[in-house]
Protein backbone atom coordinates (compact mmCIF):
# COMPACT_ATOMS: atom_id res chain seq x y z
CA MET A 1 0.00 0.00 0.00
CA ASN A 2 1.43 3.40 -0.99
CA PRO A 3 1.79 6.04 1.77
CA ASN A 4 0.38 9.56 1.74
CA CYS A 5 2.41 12.73 1.20
CA ALA A 6 3.31 14.71 4.36
CA ARG A 7 2.53 18.00 2.56
CA CYS A 8 -0.60 17.42 0.41
CA ASN A 9 -1.78 14.22 2.08
CA LYS A 10 -2.21 12.49 -1.30
CA THR A 11 -0.92 9.09 -2.31
CA VAL A 12 2.79 8.95 -3.13
CA TYR A 13 3.82 6.48 -5.80
CA PRO A 14 7.31 4.93 -5.88
CA MET A 15 8.45 6.90 -8.95
CA GLU A 16 7.87 10.30 -7.27
CA LYS A 17 8.47 9.35 -3.62
CA ILE A 18 11.08 11.02 -1.34
CA ASN A 19 11.65 9.46 2.06
CA CYS A 20 13.11 12.10 4.41
CA LEU A 21 12.64 13.34 7.99
CA ASP A 22 10.75 10.12 8.81
CA LYS A 23 8.05 11.10 6.29
CA PHE A 24 7.13 10.54 2.61
CA TRP A 25 6.93 13.44 0.16
CA HIS A 26 6.19 14.16 -3.48
CA LYS A 27 9.20 15.65 -5.25
CA LEU A 28 7.29 18.90 -5.82
CA CYS A 29 5.86 18.92 -2.27
CA PHE A 30 9.28 18.64 -0.69
CA ASN A 31 9.86 22.41 -0.38
CA CYS A 32 10.79 25.05 2.22
CA GLU A 33 8.23 25.75 4.91
CA VAL A 34 8.74 29.51 4.50
CA CYS A 35 9.51 30.39 0.86
CA LYS A 36 8.18 27.16 -0.76
CA MET A 37 11.41 26.70 -2.72
CA THR A 38 11.73 23.16 -4.03
CA LEU A 39 14.40 21.21 -2.18
CA ASN A 40 16.28 17.98 -2.69
CA MET A 41 18.28 15.63 -0.55
CA LYS A 42 21.44 17.74 -0.94
CA ASN A 43 20.29 21.27 -0.05
CA TYR A 44 17.58 20.80 2.57
CA LYS A 45 17.97 21.41 6.29
CA GLY A 46 15.63 19.75 8.72
CA TYR A 47 14.28 21.34 11.87
CA GLY A 48 11.43 19.89 13.88
CA LYS A 49 10.97 17.24 11.13
CA LYS A 50 10.19 19.98 8.63
CA PRO A 51 12.33 20.95 5.59
CA TYR A 52 13.91 24.42 5.31
CA CYS A 53 16.23 26.14 2.90
CA SER A 54 19.57 27.61 4.08
CA ALA A 55 18.19 31.17 4.15
CA HIS A 56 15.18 30.36 6.31
CA TYR A 57 16.65 27.69 8.55
CA PRO A 58 15.74 28.61 12.17
CA SER A 59 18.88 29.67 14.01
CA THR A 60 19.32 28.62 17.63
CA LYS A 61 19.47 31.50 20.09
CA PHE A 62 20.60 31.48 23.68
CA THR A 63 18.21 32.62 26.34
CA SER A 64 19.72 35.19 28.67
CA VAL A 65 19.49 34.28 32.34
CA ALA A 66 20.02 36.74 35.15
CA ASP A 67 23.17 36.14 37.23
CA THR A 68 21.40 35.59 40.51
CA PRO A 69 23.45 34.53 43.56
CA GLU A 70 22.05 31.01 43.31
CA ASN A 71 23.01 30.72 39.63
CA LEU A 72 26.50 32.04 40.36
CA ARG A 73 26.89 29.54 43.20
CA LEU A 74 25.83 26.64 40.98
CA ALA A 75 28.18 27.79 38.22
CA GLN A 76 31.11 27.99 40.65
CA GLN A 77 30.26 24.60 42.11
CA THR A 78 30.10 23.01 38.66
CA LYS A 79 33.43 24.59 37.77
CA SER A 80 35.05 23.37 40.97
CA GLN A 81 33.84 19.82 40.36
CA SER A 82 35.41 19.78 36.93
CA HIS A 83 38.39 17.46 36.70
CA VAL A 84 40.27 19.92 34.52
CA GLU A 85 39.91 22.70 37.10
CA TYR A 86 40.83 20.30 39.90
CA GLN A 87 43.97 19.17 38.08
CA LYS A 88 44.92 22.79 37.35
CA ASP A 89 44.63 23.76 41.02
CA PHE A 90 46.61 20.68 42.04
CA VAL A 91 49.50 21.49 39.71
CA THR A 92 49.45 25.16 40.74
CA ASP A 93 49.51 24.44 44.48
CA LYS A 94 52.02 21.60 44.25
CA GLY A 95 55.25 22.43 46.06
CA LYS A 96 53.76 25.27 48.10
CA TYR A 97 53.49 25.41 51.87
CA THR A 98 51.58 27.56 54.28
CA PHE A 99 53.46 30.09 56.41
CA ILE A 100 52.68 30.00 60.14
CA PRO A 101 53.70 32.95 62.33
CA ASP A 102 56.46 32.11 64.81
CA ASP A 103 54.60 33.18 67.92
CA PRO A 104 56.09 32.36 71.36
CA GLU A 105 53.69 29.46 71.91
CA THR A 106 54.67 27.80 68.61
CA GLU A 107 58.38 28.28 69.34
CA ARG A 108 57.91 26.70 72.78
CA HIS A 109 56.19 23.66 71.28
CA LYS A 110 58.93 23.29 68.66
CA GLN A 111 61.65 23.45 71.30
CA ASN A 112 59.86 20.93 73.54
CA THR A 113 59.42 18.55 70.60
CA LYS A 114 63.10 18.87 69.68
CA ILE A 115 64.24 18.23 73.25
CA SER A 116 61.94 15.20 73.57
CA SER A 117 63.25 13.80 70.29
CA MET A 118 66.90 14.24 71.35
CA VAL A 119 66.24 12.65 74.75
CA GLU A 120 64.58 9.60 73.18
CA TYR A 121 67.23 9.28 70.44
CA HIS A 122 70.29 9.51 72.69
CA GLY A 123 68.76 7.52 75.54
CA LEU A 124 69.08 10.40 77.97
CA LYS A 125 65.70 9.75 79.55
CA GLU A 126 66.90 6.58 81.26
CA LYS A 127 70.04 8.30 82.55
CA HIS A 128 67.93 11.18 83.81
CA ASN A 129 65.80 8.72 85.81
CA GLN A 130 68.96 7.15 87.24
CA MET A 131 70.23 10.58 88.27
CA GLU A 132 66.94 11.28 90.04
CA GLU A 133 67.24 8.01 91.96
CA ARG A 134 70.80 8.87 92.95
CA ARG A 135 69.69 12.33 94.03
CA LYS A 136 67.09 10.73 96.30
CA SER A 137 69.72 8.40 97.72
CA ILE A 138 71.90 11.44 98.51
CA THR A 139 69.01 12.98 100.43
CA ASP A 140 68.39 9.74 102.31
CA HIS A 141 72.09 9.51 103.35
CA SER A 142 72.46 13.15 104.37
CA PRO A 143 73.07 13.94 108.11
CA ALA A 144 69.75 15.82 108.28
CA ALA A 145 67.83 12.71 107.21
CA HIS A 146 69.84 10.46 109.62
CA PRO A 147 70.61 12.44 112.78
CA ASN A 148 71.64 9.31 114.69
CA GLY A 149 73.74 7.85 111.92
CA GLY A 150 72.84 6.34 108.57
CA SER A 151 72.83 2.87 107.16
CA ASN A 152 76.18 1.21 106.54
CA LYS A 153 74.87 -0.76 103.58
CA GLU A 154 76.46 0.32 100.30
CA LYS A 155 74.46 0.25 97.07
CA LEU A 156 75.83 0.01 93.56
CA GLY A 157 75.69 3.37 91.80
CA SER A 158 74.71 5.35 94.92
CA VAL A 159 76.55 7.45 97.46
CA PHE A 160 78.02 5.74 100.52
CA ASP A 161 78.70 8.63 102.85
CA TRP A 162 77.83 6.54 105.87
CA SER A 163 79.80 3.43 104.91
CA ASP A 164 82.83 2.14 106.77
CA THR A 165 85.10 3.31 103.98
CA ALA A 166 83.79 6.84 104.36
CA ASP A 167 85.12 6.97 107.95
CA LYS A 168 88.60 5.94 106.75
CA GLN A 169 88.86 8.44 103.89
CA PRO A 170 92.02 10.55 103.76
CA PRO A 171 91.69 14.30 104.22
CA PRO A 172 90.75 16.30 101.10
CA GLN A 173 93.62 16.96 98.74
CA PRO A 174 94.77 20.56 98.33
CA ALA A 175 93.92 22.02 94.97
CA PRO A 176 97.07 22.10 92.76
CA LYS A 177 97.88 25.19 90.84
CA ALA A 178 95.99 25.09 87.55
CA THR A 179 97.59 26.11 84.30
CA PRO A 180 95.87 28.83 82.24
CA ASN A 181 94.20 26.17 79.99
CA GLU A 182 93.27 23.78 82.84
CA GLN A 183 90.24 23.90 85.13
CA TYR A 184 89.88 21.85 88.30
CA GLN A 185 86.68 20.69 89.94
CA ARG A 186 86.28 18.95 93.31
CA ALA A 187 83.95 16.06 94.17
CA MET A 188 81.24 17.03 96.67
CA TYR A 189 80.09 13.44 97.38
CA ASP A 190 81.33 9.87 97.12
CA TYR A 191 80.24 7.97 94.04
CA ARG A 192 80.56 4.35 92.94
CA ALA A 193 80.43 3.59 89.20
CA ALA A 194 77.25 1.86 87.98
CA ASP A 195 78.41 1.29 84.38
CA SER A 196 81.62 0.39 82.56
CA ASP A 197 82.10 3.90 81.13
CA GLU A 198 81.78 5.58 84.57
CA ILE A 199 84.49 6.02 87.24
CA SER A 200 84.24 5.85 91.03
CA PHE A 201 85.55 8.65 93.22
CA ARG A 202 85.55 9.95 96.78
CA GLU A 203 84.59 13.24 98.30
CA GLY A 204 87.38 15.76 97.83
CA ASP A 205 88.91 14.18 94.68
CA LEU A 206 90.04 16.64 92.02
CA PHE A 207 89.11 16.34 88.32
CA THR A 208 90.58 17.85 85.15
CA ASP A 209 89.92 17.59 81.40
CA ILE A 210 86.20 18.16 82.00
CA GLN A 211 83.98 18.01 78.91
CA LEU A 212 80.18 17.98 78.71
CA VAL A 213 78.93 14.93 76.76
CA ALA A 214 75.23 14.71 77.71
CA GLN A 215 72.67 16.39 79.89
CA GLY A 216 73.87 15.88 83.50
CA TRP A 217 77.06 13.96 82.53
CA VAL A 218 80.67 14.98 81.84
CA THR A 219 83.92 13.19 81.12
CA ALA A 220 86.77 13.95 83.48
CA THR A 221 90.10 12.60 84.78
CA ASN A 222 90.51 11.81 88.46
CA GLN A 223 93.84 13.27 89.66
CA ARG A 224 94.05 10.82 92.58
CA THR A 225 93.51 7.58 90.61
CA GLY A 226 94.37 8.73 87.09
CA GLN A 227 91.17 7.18 85.73
CA SER A 228 89.05 8.90 83.05
CA GLY A 229 85.37 8.36 82.37
CA MET A 230 81.80 9.54 82.86
CA VAL A 231 81.06 11.59 85.99
CA PRO A 232 77.69 13.01 87.21
CA GLU A 233 77.82 16.75 86.65
CA ASN A 234 75.94 17.58 89.87
CA TYR A 235 78.46 15.64 92.01
CA ILE A 236 81.36 18.00 91.26
CA ALA A 237 81.84 21.75 91.57
CA PRO A 238 84.54 24.24 90.52
CA VAL A 239 87.34 24.71 93.03
C-alpha cells in the first residue's frame, strides 16, 4: 500500500516518492516551509521534522538568564567539580606550603618537641631517671635525714657517705695550681660507678679535662687515681 504525502496528504507512488525526515513526500511537495522553494536531498535542512532552505533555517538562540546569587553559586560549584579545574589547582599548588607565624607558643612547642626527640634518640631519659634516683639516695644519706647515723649498707651506683670506707677516707687533697688552659673541679660526694664507662671517686677528689657529653654527665680525669670516664655533673663543683 502506498503512503500519503506529508505535505498534500495524497498518495505517493514509488516513482515520485522522497523518504526524508521520517516522512514521505512528493518531489514537488518537498519544499521550504517559508519560501516554498523546491528542495532535494542535498540542499535541505531539517528542523522539527520539517524541511527548510539555508536562508530560512531557524537559528538557535541562547536565552539570557540573570546572574542571581544562586546561579552564580551553581556555576562555581560546577566549575570546581570539573576534573580539569581540579587538576589545574593541584599542579598550581604543588610544592607550596603555608606560612605559620612564629609566635612564642609555637616556638615553645617546637623546642619541647626537639628536646623530647633528642632525649629519646640519645637515651638520655633513662640516665635522667637514674640521676633522680641517685639524688634521692643522697638525700636519704644526708646527716639531716639520719641524725643518729645512717645505714652502713652500700648500694651500687649510689653514694656511701655513711659506709665504713667513708670513715677511713684521707683528708681532702689541696687544689694544685691550675695552668691557664686547665680547670679543676672537686667532688662534693662519694660515688661508685654503675656502668663500665663511669668512674668511682671519693669526696674531695680533684678532676681535670672536664667536657660535657650529655645532659647531667661529663667526662673527666681523676687526679688521685688517674682514671678517666663519665662523671655526674651535679656531684662535682669548681674549686
